[in-house]
Amino acid sequence: MAKTNFQSIDEYIFACPPGSQAYLRQIRKLIHTLVPDAKEKISYQMAAFERNGRNLIHFAGWKKHISLYPVPAGSEAFERQIKPYVSDKGTVKFPLDEPLPLKLIEKIVKQHLAVNEKQKKEN
């Protein structure tokens, strides 16, 4: 992916490796469903959503995996569920050779949403 000044998530997804594009579209659709008032943006040259003036979640496509950033904190049960997908760099990675775990991604988005709501109330 040579381009680094993306203007939209559509443009970003189109520039990603072909094998990751369908998964990126699924994640985008899921986020829109779960957080209809979130706004699309490009942040750190990757796809992102913001809500209440704060970044909610970033997602990126690579040759062998899809990544979500940052790794959200949660209950012990939640931590156990995401542990197999968490890399040492604070990234959740889902391999392209496995089905996309949409229920787990839904939980990740909801964790970020809870943090976003808490931050909104604190400000």
PDB file of N, CA and C in Angstrom:
ATOM      1  N   MET A   1       0.854  -1.161   0.000  1.00  0.00           N
ATOM      2  CA  MET A   1       0.000   0.000   0.000  1.00  0.00           C
ATOM      3  C   MET A   1       0.907   1.234   0.000  1.00  0.00           C
ATOM      4  N   ALA A   2       1.118   1.798  -1.162  1.00  0.00           N
ATOM      5  CA  ALA A   2       2.048   2.913  -1.289  1.00  0.00           C
ATOM      6  C   ALA A   2       1.441   4.255  -0.893  1.00  0.00           C
ATOM      7  N   LYS A   3       0.177   4.453  -1.178  1.00  0.00           N
ATOM      8  CA  LYS A   3      -0.446   5.751  -0.912  1.00  0.00           C
ATOM      9  C   LYS A   3      -0.560   5.992   0.590  1.00  0.00           C
ATOM     10  N   THR A   4      -0.343   7.227   0.998  1.00  0.00           N
ATOM     11  CA  THR A   4      -0.410   7.523   2.433  1.00  0.00           C
ATOM     12  C   THR A   4      -1.246   8.746   2.772  1.00  0.00           C
ATOM     13  N   ASN A   5      -1.994   9.266   1.833  1.00  0.00           N
ATOM     14  CA  ASN A   5      -2.831  10.425   2.150  1.00  0.00           C
ATOM     15  C   ASN A   5      -4.289  10.151   1.779  1.00  0.00           C
ATOM     16  N   PHE A   6      -4.829   9.099   2.338  1.00  0.00           N
ATOM     17  CA  PHE A   6      -6.193   8.691   2.035  1.00  0.00           C
ATOM     18  C   PHE A   6      -7.182   9.759   2.477  1.00  0.00           C
ATOM     19  N   GLN A   7      -8.224   9.950   1.677  1.00  0.00           N
ATOM     20  CA  GLN A   7      -9.248  10.944   1.972  1.00  0.00           C
ATOM     21  C   GLN A   7     -10.535  10.320   2.507  1.00  0.00           C
ATOM     22  N   SER A   8     -10.678   9.003   2.356  1.00  0.00           N
ATOM     23  CA  SER A   8     -11.901   8.339   2.805  1.00  0.00           C
ATOM     24  C   SER A   8     -11.613   6.876   3.115  1.00  0.00           C
ATOM     25  N   ILE A   9     -12.531   6.263   3.830  1.00  0.00           N
ATOM     26  CA  ILE A   9     -12.383   4.834   4.115  1.00  0.00           C
ATOM     27  C   ILE A   9     -12.528   4.029   2.828  1.00  0.00           C
ATOM     28  N   ASP A  10     -13.392   4.452   1.922  1.00  0.00           N
ATOM     29  CA  ASP A  10     -13.499   3.757   0.634  1.00  0.00           C
ATOM     30  C   ASP A  10     -12.147   3.722  -0.070  1.00  0.00           C
ATOM     31  N   GLU A  11     -11.490   4.847  -0.115  1.00  0.00           N
ATOM     32  CA  GLU A  11     -10.181   4.948  -0.763  1.00  0.00           C
ATOM     33  C   GLU A  11      -9.163   4.059  -0.042  1.00  0.00           C
ATOM     34  N   TYR A  12      -9.204   4.062   1.285  1.00  0.00           N
ATOM     35  CA  TYR A  12      -8.288   3.229   2.063  1.00  0.00           C
ATOM     36  C   TYR A  12      -8.502   1.746   1.747  1.00  0.00           C
ATOM     37  N   ILE A  13      -9.757   1.294   1.812  1.00  0.00           N
ATOM     38  CA  ILE A  13     -10.051  -0.124   1.574  1.00  0.00           C
ATOM     39  C   ILE A  13      -9.614  -0.533   0.174  1.00  0.00           C
ATOM     40  N   PHE A  14      -9.874   0.307  -0.811  1.00  0.00           N
ATOM     41  CA  PHE A  14      -9.492   0.004  -2.187  1.00  0.00           C
ATOM     42  C   PHE A  14      -7.982  -0.189  -2.324  1.00  0.00           C
ATOM     43  N   ALA A  15      -7.200   0.510  -1.512  1.00  0.00           N
ATOM     44  CA  ALA A  15      -5.738   0.416  -1.576  1.00  0.00           C
ATOM     45  C   ALA A  15      -5.177  -0.775  -0.797  1.00  0.00           C
ATOM     46  N   CYS A  16      -5.993  -1.405   0.026  1.00  0.00           N
ATOM     47  CA  CYS A  16      -5.534  -2.541   0.834  1.00  0.00           C
ATOM     48  C   CYS A  16      -5.398  -3.796  -0.020  1.00  0.00           C
ATOM     49  N   PRO A  17      -4.640  -4.784   0.469  1.00  0.00           N
ATOM     50  CA  PRO A  17      -4.524  -6.036  -0.261  1.00  0.00           C
ATOM     51  C   PRO A  17      -5.912  -6.622  -0.546  1.00  0.00           C
ATOM     52  N   PRO A  18      -6.123  -7.143  -1.748  1.00  0.00           N
ATOM     53  CA  PRO A  18      -7.444  -7.653  -2.125  1.00  0.00           C
ATOM     54  C   PRO A  18      -8.026  -8.670  -1.140  1.00  0.00           C
ATOM     55  N   GLY A  19      -7.184  -9.499  -0.560  1.00  0.00           N
ATOM     56  CA  GLY A  19      -7.670 -10.510   0.375  1.00  0.00           C
ATOM     57  C   GLY A  19      -8.253  -9.946   1.651  1.00  0.00           C
ATOM     58  N   SER A  20      -7.920  -8.720   1.978  1.00  0.00           N
ATOM     59  CA  SER A  20      -8.418  -8.121   3.217  1.00  0.00           C
ATOM     60  C   SER A  20      -9.645  -7.233   3.011  1.00  0.00           C
ATOM     61  N   GLN A  21      -9.936  -6.869   1.781  1.00  0.00           N
ATOM     62  CA  GLN A  21     -10.972  -5.875   1.521  1.00  0.00           C
ATOM     63  C   GLN A  21     -12.371  -6.292   1.977  1.00  0.00           C
ATOM     64  N   ALA A  22     -12.757  -7.529   1.744  1.00  0.00           N
ATOM     65  CA  ALA A  22     -14.100  -7.976   2.156  1.00  0.00           C
ATOM     66  C   ALA A  22     -14.232  -7.929   3.676  1.00  0.00           C
ATOM     67  N   TYR A  23     -13.182  -8.335   4.396  1.00  0.00           N
ATOM     68  CA  TYR A  23     -13.225  -8.290   5.861  1.00  0.00           C
ATOM     69  C   TYR A  23     -13.314  -6.846   6.356  1.00  0.00           C
ATOM     70  N   LEU A  24     -12.583  -5.951   5.716  1.00  0.00           N
ATOM     71  CA  LEU A  24     -12.641  -4.539   6.106  1.00  0.00           C
ATOM     72  C   LEU A  24     -14.046  -3.980   5.915  1.00  0.00           C
ATOM     73  N   ARG A  25     -14.685  -4.362   4.814  1.00  0.00           N
ATOM     74  CA  ARG A  25     -16.059  -3.899   4.577  1.00  0.00           C
ATOM     75  C   ARG A  25     -17.017  -4.449   5.630  1.00  0.00           C
ATOM     76  N   GLN A  26     -16.813  -5.704   6.035  1.00  0.00           N
ATOM     77  CA  GLN A  26     -17.666  -6.297   7.080  1.00  0.00           C
ATOM     78  C   GLN A  26     -17.495  -5.558   8.405  1.00  0.00           C
ATOM     79  N   ILE A  27     -16.262  -5.252   8.755  1.00  0.00           N
ATOM     80  CA  ILE A  27     -15.996  -4.535  10.008  1.00  0.00           C
ATOM     81  C   ILE A  27     -16.622  -3.144   9.954  1.00  0.00           C
ATOM     82  N   ARG A  28     -16.455  -2.479   8.845  1.00  0.00           N
ATOM     83  CA  ARG A  28     -17.039  -1.141   8.670  1.00  0.00           C
ATOM     84  C   ARG A  28     -18.560  -1.187   8.842  1.00  0.00           C
ATOM     85  N   LYS A  29     -19.199  -2.148   8.200  1.00  0.00           N
ATOM     86  CA  LYS A  29     -20.660  -2.282   8.292  1.00  0.00           C
ATOM     87  C   LYS A  29     -21.081  -2.568   9.728  1.00  0.00           C
ATOM     88  N   LEU A  30     -20.353  -3.442  10.404  1.00  0.00           N
ATOM     89  CA  LEU A  30     -20.667  -3.778  11.793  1.00  0.00           C
ATOM     90  C   LEU A  30     -20.564  -2.540  12.685  1.00  0.00           C
ATOM     91  N   ILE A  31     -19.523  -1.763  12.520  1.00  0.00           N
ATOM     92  CA  ILE A  31     -19.365  -0.553  13.338  1.00  0.00           C
ATOM     93  C   ILE A  31     -20.510   0.420  13.073  1.00  0.00           C
ATOM     94  N   HIS A  32     -20.876   0.594  11.812  1.00  0.00           N
ATOM     95  CA  HIS A  32     -22.014   1.475  11.494  1.00  0.00           C
ATOM     96  C   HIS A  32     -23.301   0.971  12.146  1.00  0.00           C
ATOM     97  N   THR A  33     -23.483  -0.341  12.182  1.00  0.00           N
ATOM     98  CA  THR A  33     -24.678  -0.922  12.795  1.00  0.00           C
ATOM     99  C   THR A  33     -24.684  -0.695  14.301  1.00  0.00           C
ATOM    100  N   LEU A  34     -23.547  -0.915  14.940  1.00  0.00           N
ATOM    101  CA  LEU A  34     -23.452  -0.805  16.399  1.00  0.00           C
ATOM    102  C   LEU A  34     -23.400   0.637  16.888  1.00  0.00           C
ATOM    103  N   VAL A  35     -22.801   1.507  16.099  1.00  0.00           N
ATOM    104  CA  VAL A  35     -22.603   2.904  16.516  1.00  0.00           C
ATOM    105  C   VAL A  35     -23.007   3.818  15.348  1.00  0.00           C
ATOM    106  N   PRO A  36     -24.307   3.929  15.095  1.00  0.00           N
ATOM    107  CA  PRO A  36     -24.747   4.683  13.917  1.00  0.00           C
ATOM    108  C   PRO A  36     -24.350   6.158  13.918  1.00  0.00           C
ATOM    109  N   ASP A  37     -24.070   6.714  15.087  1.00  0.00           N
ATOM    110  CA  ASP A  37     -23.678   8.127  15.129  1.00  0.00           C
ATOM    111  C   ASP A  37     -22.163   8.339  15.051  1.00  0.00           C
ATOM    112  N   ALA A  38     -21.404   7.261  14.897  1.00  0.00           N
ATOM    113  CA  ALA A  38     -19.949   7.396  14.746  1.00  0.00           C
ATOM    114  C   ALA A  38     -19.633   7.931  13.350  1.00  0.00           C
ATOM    115  N   LYS A  39     -18.576   8.703  13.268  1.00  0.00           N
ATOM    116  CA  LYS A  39     -18.172   9.315  12.003  1.00  0.00           C
ATOM    117  C   LYS A  39     -16.922   8.634  11.468  1.00  0.00           C
ATOM    118  N   GLU A  40     -16.944   8.351  10.179  1.00  0.00           N
ATOM    119  CA  GLU A  40     -15.778   7.769   9.524  1.00  0.00           C
ATOM    120  C   GLU A  40     -14.684   8.820   9.373  1.00  0.00           C
ATOM    121  N   LYS A  41     -13.450   8.339   9.452  1.00  0.00           N
ATOM    122  CA  LYS A  41     -12.313   9.225   9.224  1.00  0.00           C
ATOM    123  C   LYS A  41     -11.082   8.397   8.893  1.00  0.00           C
ATOM    124  N   ILE A  42     -10.058   9.064   8.467  1.00  0.00           N
ATOM    125  CA  ILE A  42      -8.740   8.459   8.309  1.00  0.00           C
ATOM    126  C   ILE A  42      -7.886   9.041   9.424  1.00  0.00           C
ATOM    127  N   SER A  43      -7.276   8.172  10.196  1.00  0.00           N
ATOM    128  CA  SER A  43      -6.422   8.593  11.301  1.00  0.00           C
ATOM    129  C   SER A  43      -5.199   7.685  11.318  1.00  0.00           C
ATOM    130  N   TYR A  44      -4.037   8.259  11.426  1.00  0.00           N
ATOM    131  CA  TYR A  44      -2.783   7.495  11.350  1.00  0.00           C
ATOM    132  C   TYR A  44      -2.729   6.692  10.049  1.00  0.00           C
ATOM    133  N   GLN A  45      -3.305   7.238   8.996  1.00  0.00           N
ATOM    134  CA  GLN A  45      -3.344   6.633   7.666  1.00  0.00           C
ATOM    135  C   GLN A  45      -3.998   5.256   7.656  1.00  0.00           C
ATOM    136  N   MET A  46      -5.023   5.101   8.492  1.00  0.00           N
ATOM    137  CA  MET A  46      -5.837   3.887   8.448  1.00  0.00           C
ATOM    138  C   MET A  46      -7.289   4.271   8.694  1.00  0.00           C
ATOM    139  N   ALA A  47      -8.174   3.337   8.434  1.00  0.00           N
ATOM    140  CA  ALA A  47      -9.602   3.561   8.635  1.00  0.00           C
ATOM    141  C   ALA A  47      -9.889   3.697  10.124  1.00  0.00           C
ATOM    142  N   ALA A  48     -10.776   4.618  10.450  1.00  0.00           N
ATOM    143  CA  ALA A  48     -11.111   4.842  11.857  1.00  0.00           C
ATOM    144  C   ALA A  48     -12.529   5.389  11.960  1.00  0.00           C
ATOM    145  N   PHE A  49     -13.056   5.299  13.171  1.00  0.00           N
ATOM    146  CA  PHE A  49     -14.337   5.917  13.500  1.00  0.00           C
ATOM    147  C   PHE A  49     -14.124   6.775  14.730  1.00  0.00           C
ATOM    148  N   GLU A  50     -14.829   7.904  14.762  1.00  0.00           N
ATOM    149  CA  GLU A  50     -14.786   8.758  15.943  1.00  0.00           C
ATOM    150  C   GLU A  50     -16.206   8.993  16.434  1.00  0.00           C
ATOM    151  N   ARG A  51     -16.287   9.280  17.711  1.00  0.00           N
ATOM    152  CA  ARG A  51     -17.578   9.568  18.335  1.00  0.00           C
ATOM    153  C   ARG A  51     -17.309  10.503  19.502  1.00  0.00           C
ATOM    154  N   ASN A  52     -18.164  11.474  19.671  1.00  0.00           N
ATOM    155  CA  ASN A  52     -18.002  12.464  20.740  1.00  0.00           C
ATOM    156  C   ASN A  52     -16.649  13.175  20.660  1.00  0.00           C
ATOM    157  N   GLY A  53     -16.157  13.369  19.435  1.00  0.00           N
ATOM    158  CA  GLY A  53     -14.899  14.077  19.244  1.00  0.00           C
ATOM    159  C   GLY A  53     -13.654  13.274  19.565  1.00  0.00           C
ATOM    160  N   ARG A  54     -13.807  11.983  19.801  1.00  0.00           N
ATOM    161  CA  ARG A  54     -12.660  11.119  20.140  1.00  0.00           C
ATOM    162  C   ARG A  54     -12.627   9.912  19.214  1.00  0.00           C
ATOM    163  N   ASN A  55     -11.406   9.452  18.918  1.00  0.00           N
ATOM    164  CA  ASN A  55     -11.290   8.231  18.128  1.00  0.00           C
ATOM    165  C   ASN A  55     -11.889   7.076  18.913  1.00  0.00           C
ATOM    166  N   LEU A  56     -12.690   6.284  18.215  1.00  0.00           N
ATOM    167  CA  LEU A  56     -13.348   5.135  18.829  1.00  0.00           C
ATOM    168  C   LEU A  56     -12.551   3.860  18.556  1.00  0.00           C
ATOM    169  N   ILE A  57     -12.240   3.634  17.282  1.00  0.00           N
ATOM    170  CA  ILE A  57     -11.525   2.424  16.886  1.00  0.00           C
ATOM    171  C   ILE A  57     -10.879   2.659  15.522  1.00  0.00           C
ATOM    172  N   HIS A  58      -9.745   2.011  15.307  1.00  0.00           N
ATOM    173  CA  HIS A  58      -9.037   2.028  14.027  1.00  0.00           C
ATOM    174  C   HIS A  58      -9.033   0.597  13.500  1.00  0.00           C
ATOM    175  N   PHE A  59      -9.040   0.445  12.187  1.00  0.00           N
ATOM    176  CA  PHE A  59      -8.896  -0.891  11.614  1.00  0.00           C
ATOM    177  C   PHE A  59      -8.091  -0.807  10.329  1.00  0.00           C
ATOM    178  N   ALA A  60      -7.344  -1.885  10.067  1.00  0.00           N
ATOM    179  CA  ALA A  60      -6.414  -1.873   8.940  1.00  0.00           C
ATOM    180  C   ALA A  60      -6.350  -3.243   8.282  1.00  0.00           C
ATOM    181  N   GLY A  61      -6.068  -3.232   6.994  1.00  0.00           N
ATOM    182  CA  GLY A  61      -5.940  -4.473   6.238  1.00  0.00           C
ATOM    183  C   GLY A  61      -4.504  -4.714   5.818  1.00  0.00           C
ATOM    184  N   TRP A  62      -4.081  -5.947   5.974  1.00  0.00           N
ATOM    185  CA  TRP A  62      -2.724  -6.356   5.622  1.00  0.00           C
ATOM    186  C   TRP A  62      -2.796  -7.591   4.743  1.00  0.00           C
ATOM    187  N   LYS A  63      -1.657  -8.089   4.298  1.00  0.00           N
ATOM    188  CA  LYS A  63      -1.645  -9.252   3.405  1.00  0.00           C
ATOM    189  C   LYS A  63      -2.167 -10.516   4.073  1.00  0.00           C
ATOM    190  N   LYS A  64      -1.885 -10.670   5.371  1.00  0.00           N
ATOM    191  CA  LYS A  64      -2.243 -11.918   6.048  1.00  0.00           C
ATOM    192  C   LYS A  64      -3.244 -11.757   7.180  1.00  0.00           C
ATOM    193  N   HIS A  65      -3.593 -10.515   7.522  1.00  0.00           N
ATOM    194  CA  HIS A  65      -4.509 -10.320   8.649  1.00  0.00           C
ATOM    195  C   HIS A  65      -5.210  -8.968   8.568  1.00  0.00           C
ATOM    196  N   ILE A  66      -6.212  -8.833   9.417  1.00  0.00           N
ATOM    197  CA  ILE A  66      -6.912  -7.573   9.663  1.00  0.00           C
ATOM    198  C   ILE A  66      -6.526  -7.168  11.077  1.00  0.00           C
ATOM    199  N   SER A  67      -6.312  -5.894  11.301  1.00  0.00           N
ATOM    200  CA  SER A  67      -5.959  -5.421  12.642  1.00  0.00           C
ATOM    201  C   SER A  67      -6.983  -4.423  13.151  1.00  0.00           C
ATOM    202  N   LEU A  68      -7.226  -4.472  14.461  1.00  0.00           N
ATOM    203  CA  LEU A  68      -8.033  -3.480  15.159  1.00  0.00           C
ATOM    204  C   LEU A  68      -7.146  -2.839  16.209  1.00  0.00           C
ATOM    205  N   TYR A  69      -7.298  -1.541  16.375  1.00  0.00           N
ATOM    206  CA  TYR A  69      -6.484  -0.794  17.326  1.00  0.00           C
ATOM    207  C   TYR A  69      -7.383   0.131  18.125  1.00  0.00           C
ATOM    208  N   PRO A  70      -7.085   0.452  19.320  1.00  0.00           N
ATOM    209  CA  PRO A  70      -6.193  -0.252  20.238  1.00  0.00           C
ATOM    210  C   PRO A  70      -6.907  -1.455  20.840  1.00  0.00           C
ATOM    211  N   VAL A  71      -6.167  -2.235  21.617  1.00  0.00           N
ATOM    212  CA  VAL A  71      -6.755  -3.368  22.325  1.00  0.00           C
ATOM    213  C   VAL A  71      -7.539  -2.810  23.509  1.00  0.00           C
ATOM    214  N   PRO A  72      -8.833  -3.104  23.586  1.00  0.00           N
ATOM    215  CA  PRO A  72      -9.615  -2.576  24.708  1.00  0.00           C
ATOM    216  C   PRO A  72      -9.437  -3.402  25.971  1.00  0.00           C
ATOM    217  N   ALA A  73      -9.541  -2.750  27.101  1.00  0.00           N
ATOM    218  CA  ALA A  73      -9.538  -3.466  28.380  1.00  0.00           C
ATOM    219  C   ALA A  73     -10.952  -3.976  28.624  1.00  0.00           C
ATOM    220  N   GLY A  74     -11.052  -5.028  29.398  1.00  0.00           N
ATOM    221  CA  GLY A  74     -12.373  -5.579  29.692  1.00  0.00           C
ATOM    222  C   GLY A  74     -12.315  -6.550  30.843  1.00  0.00           C
ATOM    223  N   SER A  75     -13.379  -7.294  30.993  1.00  0.00           N
ATOM    224  CA  SER A  75     -13.460  -8.285  32.062  1.00  0.00           C
ATOM    225  C   SER A  75     -12.465  -9.413  31.801  1.00  0.00           C
ATOM    226  N   GLU A  76     -12.264 -10.249  32.806  1.00  0.00           N
ATOM    227  CA  GLU A  76     -11.359 -11.392  32.628  1.00  0.00           C
ATOM    228  C   GLU A  76     -11.848 -12.297  31.511  1.00  0.00           C
ATOM    229  N   ALA A  77     -13.151 -12.512  31.437  1.00  0.00           N
ATOM    230  CA  ALA A  77     -13.712 -13.366  30.386  1.00  0.00           C
ATOM    231  C   ALA A  77     -13.437 -12.766  29.005  1.00  0.00           C
ATOM    232  N   PHE A  78     -13.617 -11.460  28.886  1.00  0.00           N
ATOM    233  CA  PHE A  78     -13.344 -10.779  27.619  1.00  0.00           C
ATOM    234  C   PHE A  78     -11.862 -10.882  27.272  1.00  0.00           C
ATOM    235  N   GLU A  79     -11.010 -10.657  28.252  1.00  0.00           N
ATOM    236  CA  GLU A  79      -9.557 -10.740  28.029  1.00  0.00           C
ATOM    237  C   GLU A  79      -9.164 -12.131  27.527  1.00  0.00           C
ATOM    238  N   ARG A  80      -9.787 -13.174  28.074  1.00  0.00           N
ATOM    239  CA  ARG A  80      -9.495 -14.542  27.622  1.00  0.00           C
ATOM    240  C   ARG A  80      -9.936 -14.741  26.170  1.00  0.00           C
ATOM    241  N   GLN A  81     -11.064 -14.148  25.806  1.00  0.00           N
ATOM    242  CA  GLN A  81     -11.567 -14.308  24.440  1.00  0.00           C
ATOM    243  C   GLN A  81     -10.655 -13.655  23.407  1.00  0.00           C
ATOM    244  N   ILE A  82     -10.125 -12.489  23.722  1.00  0.00           N
ATOM    245  CA  ILE A  82      -9.309 -11.802  22.715  1.00  0.00           C
ATOM    246  C   ILE A  82      -7.832 -12.194  22.762  1.00  0.00           C
ATOM    247  N   LYS A  83      -7.413 -12.843  23.845  1.00  0.00           N
ATOM    248  CA  LYS A  83      -5.991 -13.165  24.021  1.00  0.00           C
ATOM    249  C   LYS A  83      -5.353 -13.858  22.808  1.00  0.00           C
ATOM    250  N   PRO A  84      -6.005 -14.837  22.174  1.00  0.00           N
ATOM    251  CA  PRO A  84      -5.358 -15.492  21.027  1.00  0.00           C
ATOM    252  C   PRO A  84      -5.086 -14.555  19.847  1.00  0.00           C
ATOM    253  N   TYR A  85      -5.763 -13.429  19.825  1.00  0.00           N
ATOM    254  CA  TYR A  85      -5.641 -12.502  18.706  1.00  0.00           C
ATOM    255  C   TYR A  85      -4.787 -11.272  19.009  1.00  0.00           C
ATOM    256  N   VAL A  86      -4.377 -11.106  20.256  1.00  0.00           N
ATOM    257  CA  VAL A  86      -3.630  -9.910  20.643  1.00  0.00           C
ATOM    258  C   VAL A  86      -2.144 -10.112  20.360  1.00  0.00           C
ATOM    259  N   SER A  87      -1.558  -9.143  19.646  1.00  0.00           N
ATOM    260  CA  SER A  87      -0.122  -9.208  19.382  1.00  0.00           C
ATOM    261  C   SER A  87       0.613  -8.460  20.485  1.00  0.00           C
ATOM    262  N   ASP A  88       1.910  -8.537  20.441  1.00  0.00           N
ATOM    263  CA  ASP A  88       2.722  -7.879  21.464  1.00  0.00           C
ATOM    264  C   ASP A  88       2.749  -6.360  21.299  1.00  0.00           C
ATOM    265  N   LYS A  89       2.161  -5.840  20.244  1.00  0.00           N
ATOM    266  CA  LYS A  89       2.181  -4.395  20.008  1.00  0.00           C
ATOM    267  C   LYS A  89       0.839  -3.738  20.323  1.00  0.00           C
ATOM    268  N   GLY A  90       0.008  -4.380  21.129  1.00  0.00           N
ATOM    269  CA  GLY A  90      -1.266  -3.777  21.492  1.00  0.00           C
ATOM    270  C   GLY A  90      -2.270  -3.750  20.358  1.00  0.00           C
ATOM    271  N   THR A  91      -2.193  -4.752  19.512  1.00  0.00           N
ATOM    272  CA  THR A  91      -3.046  -4.846  18.338  1.00  0.00           C
ATOM    273  C   THR A  91      -3.831  -6.146  18.379  1.00  0.00           C
ATOM    274  N   VAL A  92      -5.074  -6.093  17.948  1.00  0.00           N
ATOM    275  CA  VAL A  92      -5.861  -7.310  17.778  1.00  0.00           C
ATOM    276  C   VAL A  92      -5.746  -7.685  16.306  1.00  0.00           C
ATOM    277  N   LYS A  93      -5.256  -8.896  16.030  1.00  0.00           N
ATOM    278  CA  LYS A  93      -5.052  -9.346  14.651  1.00  0.00           C
ATOM    279  C   LYS A  93      -5.913 -10.569  14.363  1.00  0.00           C
ATOM    280  N   PHE A  94      -6.653 -10.508  13.261  1.00  0.00           N
ATOM    281  CA  PHE A  94      -7.468 -11.631  12.819  1.00  0.00           C
ATOM    282  C   PHE A  94      -6.914 -12.133  11.491  1.00  0.00           C
ATOM    283  N   PRO A  95      -6.437 -13.391  11.458  1.00  0.00           N
ATOM    284  CA  PRO A  95      -5.862 -13.937  10.229  1.00  0.00           C
ATOM    285  C   PRO A  95      -6.897 -14.015   9.105  1.00  0.00           C
ATOM    286  N   LEU A  96      -6.448 -13.763   7.888  1.00  0.00           N
ATOM    287  CA  LEU A  96      -7.343 -13.823   6.736  1.00  0.00           C
ATOM    288  C   LEU A  96      -7.707 -15.245   6.346  1.00  0.00           C
ATOM    289  N   ASP A  97      -6.950 -16.223   6.841  1.00  0.00           N
ATOM    290  CA  ASP A  97      -7.259 -17.609   6.492  1.00  0.00           C
ATOM    291  C   ASP A  97      -8.237 -18.256   7.477  1.00  0.00           C
ATOM    292  N   GLU A  98      -8.852 -17.440   8.323  1.00  0.00           N
ATOM    293  CA  GLU A  98      -9.874 -17.913   9.263  1.00  0.00           C
ATOM    294  C   GLU A  98     -11.126 -17.061   9.087  1.00  0.00           C
ATOM    295  N   PRO A  99     -12.298 -17.618   9.425  1.00  0.00           N
ATOM    296  CA  PRO A  99     -13.510 -16.793   9.367  1.00  0.00           C
ATOM    297  C   PRO A  99     -13.387 -15.604  10.317  1.00  0.00           C
ATOM    298  N   LEU A 100     -13.924 -14.485   9.914  1.00  0.00           N
ATOM    299  CA  LEU A 100     -13.884 -13.281  10.738  1.00  0.00           C
ATOM    300  C   LEU A 100     -14.812 -13.466  11.941  1.00  0.00           C
ATOM    301  N   PRO A 101     -14.292 -13.356  13.169  1.00  0.00           N
ATOM    302  CA  PRO A 101     -15.122 -13.565  14.370  1.00  0.00           C
ATOM    303  C   PRO A 101     -15.961 -12.316  14.687  1.00  0.00           C
ATOM    304  N   LEU A 102     -17.051 -12.158  13.954  1.00  0.00           N
ATOM    305  CA  LEU A 102     -17.857 -10.938  14.068  1.00  0.00           C
ATOM    306  C   LEU A 102     -18.420 -10.719  15.467  1.00  0.00           C
ATOM    307  N   LYS A 103     -18.780 -11.784  16.164  1.00  0.00           N
ATOM    308  CA  LYS A 103     -19.303 -11.625  17.535  1.00  0.00           C
ATOM    309  C   LYS A 103     -18.228 -11.061  18.458  1.00  0.00           C
ATOM    310  N   LEU A 104     -17.004 -11.520  18.296  1.00  0.00           N
ATOM    311  CA  LEU A 104     -15.906 -11.001  19.106  1.00  0.00           C
ATOM    312  C   LEU A 104     -15.602  -9.547  18.726  1.00  0.00           C
ATOM    313  N   ILE A 105     -15.622  -9.248  17.450  1.00  0.00           N
ATOM    314  CA  ILE A 105     -15.397  -7.867  17.017  1.00  0.00           C
ATOM    315  C   ILE A 105     -16.502  -6.970  17.559  1.00  0.00           C
ATOM    316  N   GLU A 106     -17.718  -7.477  17.594  1.00  0.00           N
ATOM    317  CA  GLU A 106     -18.828  -6.717  18.187  1.00  0.00           C
ATOM    318  C   GLU A 106     -18.533  -6.391  19.650  1.00  0.00           C
ATOM    319  N   LYS A 107     -18.013  -7.356  20.389  1.00  0.00           N
ATOM    320  CA  LYS A 107     -17.659  -7.118  21.794  1.00  0.00           C
ATOM    321  C   LYS A 107     -16.550  -6.070  21.915  1.00  0.00           C
ATOM    322  N   ILE A 108     -15.581  -6.133  21.021  1.00  0.00           N
ATOM    323  CA  ILE A 108     -14.484  -5.160  21.034  1.00  0.00           C
ATOM    324  C   ILE A 108     -15.027  -3.751  20.791  1.00  0.00           C
ATOM    325  N   VAL A 109     -15.889  -3.623  19.797  1.00  0.00           N
ATOM    326  CA  VAL A 109     -16.479  -2.309  19.499  1.00  0.00           C
ATOM    327  C   VAL A 109     -17.286  -1.815  20.695  1.00  0.00           C
ATOM    328  N   LYS A 110     -18.043  -2.706  21.324  1.00  0.00           N
ATOM    329  CA  LYS A 110     -18.852  -2.310  22.481  1.00  0.00           C
ATOM    330  C   LYS A 110     -17.971  -1.892  23.662  1.00  0.00           C
ATOM    331  N   GLN A 111     -16.820  -2.530  23.830  1.00  0.00           N
ATOM    332  CA  GLN A 111     -15.889  -2.115  24.884  1.00  0.00           C
ATOM    333  C   GLN A 111     -15.395  -0.691  24.615  1.00  0.00           C
ATOM    334  N   HIS A 112     -15.031  -0.436  23.370  1.00  0.00           N
ATOM    335  CA  HIS A 112     -14.585   0.915  23.006  1.00  0.00           C
ATOM    336  C   HIS A 112     -15.717   1.925  23.177  1.00  0.00           C
ATOM    337  N   LEU A 113     -16.926   1.526  22.858  1.00  0.00           N
ATOM    338  CA  LEU A 113     -18.080   2.408  23.008  1.00  0.00           C
ATOM    339  C   LEU A 113     -18.309   2.759  24.476  1.00  0.00           C
ATOM    340  N   ALA A 114     -18.160   1.777  25.356  1.00  0.00           N
ATOM    341  CA  ALA A 114     -18.323   2.024  26.794  1.00  0.00           C
ATOM    342  C   ALA A 114     -17.283   3.029  27.294  1.00  0.00           C
ATOM    343  N   VAL A 115     -16.052   2.888  26.849  1.00  0.00           N
ATOM    344  CA  VAL A 115     -14.995   3.831  27.231  1.00  0.00           C
ATOM    345  C   VAL A 115     -15.328   5.223  26.696  1.00  0.00           C
ATOM    346  N   ASN A 116     -15.793   5.282  25.460  1.00  0.00           N
ATOM    347  CA  ASN A 116     -16.148   6.556  24.841  1.00  0.00           C
ATOM    348  C   ASN A 116     -17.270   7.245  25.620  1.00  0.00           C
ATOM    349  N   GLU A 117     -18.258   6.482  26.047  1.00  0.00           N
ATOM    350  CA  GLU A 117     -19.366   7.041  26.837  1.00  0.00           C
ATOM    351  C   GLU A 117     -18.864   7.570  28.184  1.00  0.00           C
ATOM    352  N   LYS A 118     -17.973   6.799  28.806  1.00  0.00           N
ATOM    353  CA  LYS A 118     -17.416   7.216  30.095  1.00  0.00           C
ATOM    354  C   LYS A 118     -16.631   8.520  29.939  1.00  0.00           C
ATOM    355  N   GLN A 119     -15.822   8.605  28.888  1.00  0.00           N
ATOM    356  CA  GLN A 119     -15.042   9.824  28.640  1.00  0.00           C
ATOM    357  C   GLN A 119     -15.957  11.017  28.380  1.00  0.00           C
ATOM    358  N   LYS A 120     -17.053  10.781  27.693  1.00  0.00           N
ATOM    359  CA  LYS A 120     -18.010  11.863  27.412  1.00  0.00           C
ATOM    360  C   LYS A 120     -18.592  12.404  28.714  1.00  0.00           C
ATOM    361  N   LYS A 121     -18.940  11.510  29.631  1.00  0.00           N
ATOM    362  CA  LYS A 121     -19.533  11.925  30.907  1.00  0.00           C
ATOM    363  C   LYS A 121     -18.524  12.657  31.790  1.00  0.00           C
ATOM    364  N   GLU A 122     -17.251  12.283  31.672  1.00  0.00           N
ATOM    365  CA  GLU A 122     -16.212  12.909  32.495  1.00  0.00           C
ATOM    366  C   GLU A 122     -15.863  14.311  32.005  1.00  0.00           C
ATOM    367  N   ASN A 123     -16.178  14.606  30.761  1.00  0.00           N
ATOM    368  CA  ASN A 123     -15.824  15.930  30.202  1.00  0.00           C
ATOM    369  C   ASN A 123     -16.956  16.895  30.256  1.00  0.00           C
TER     370      ASN A 123
END
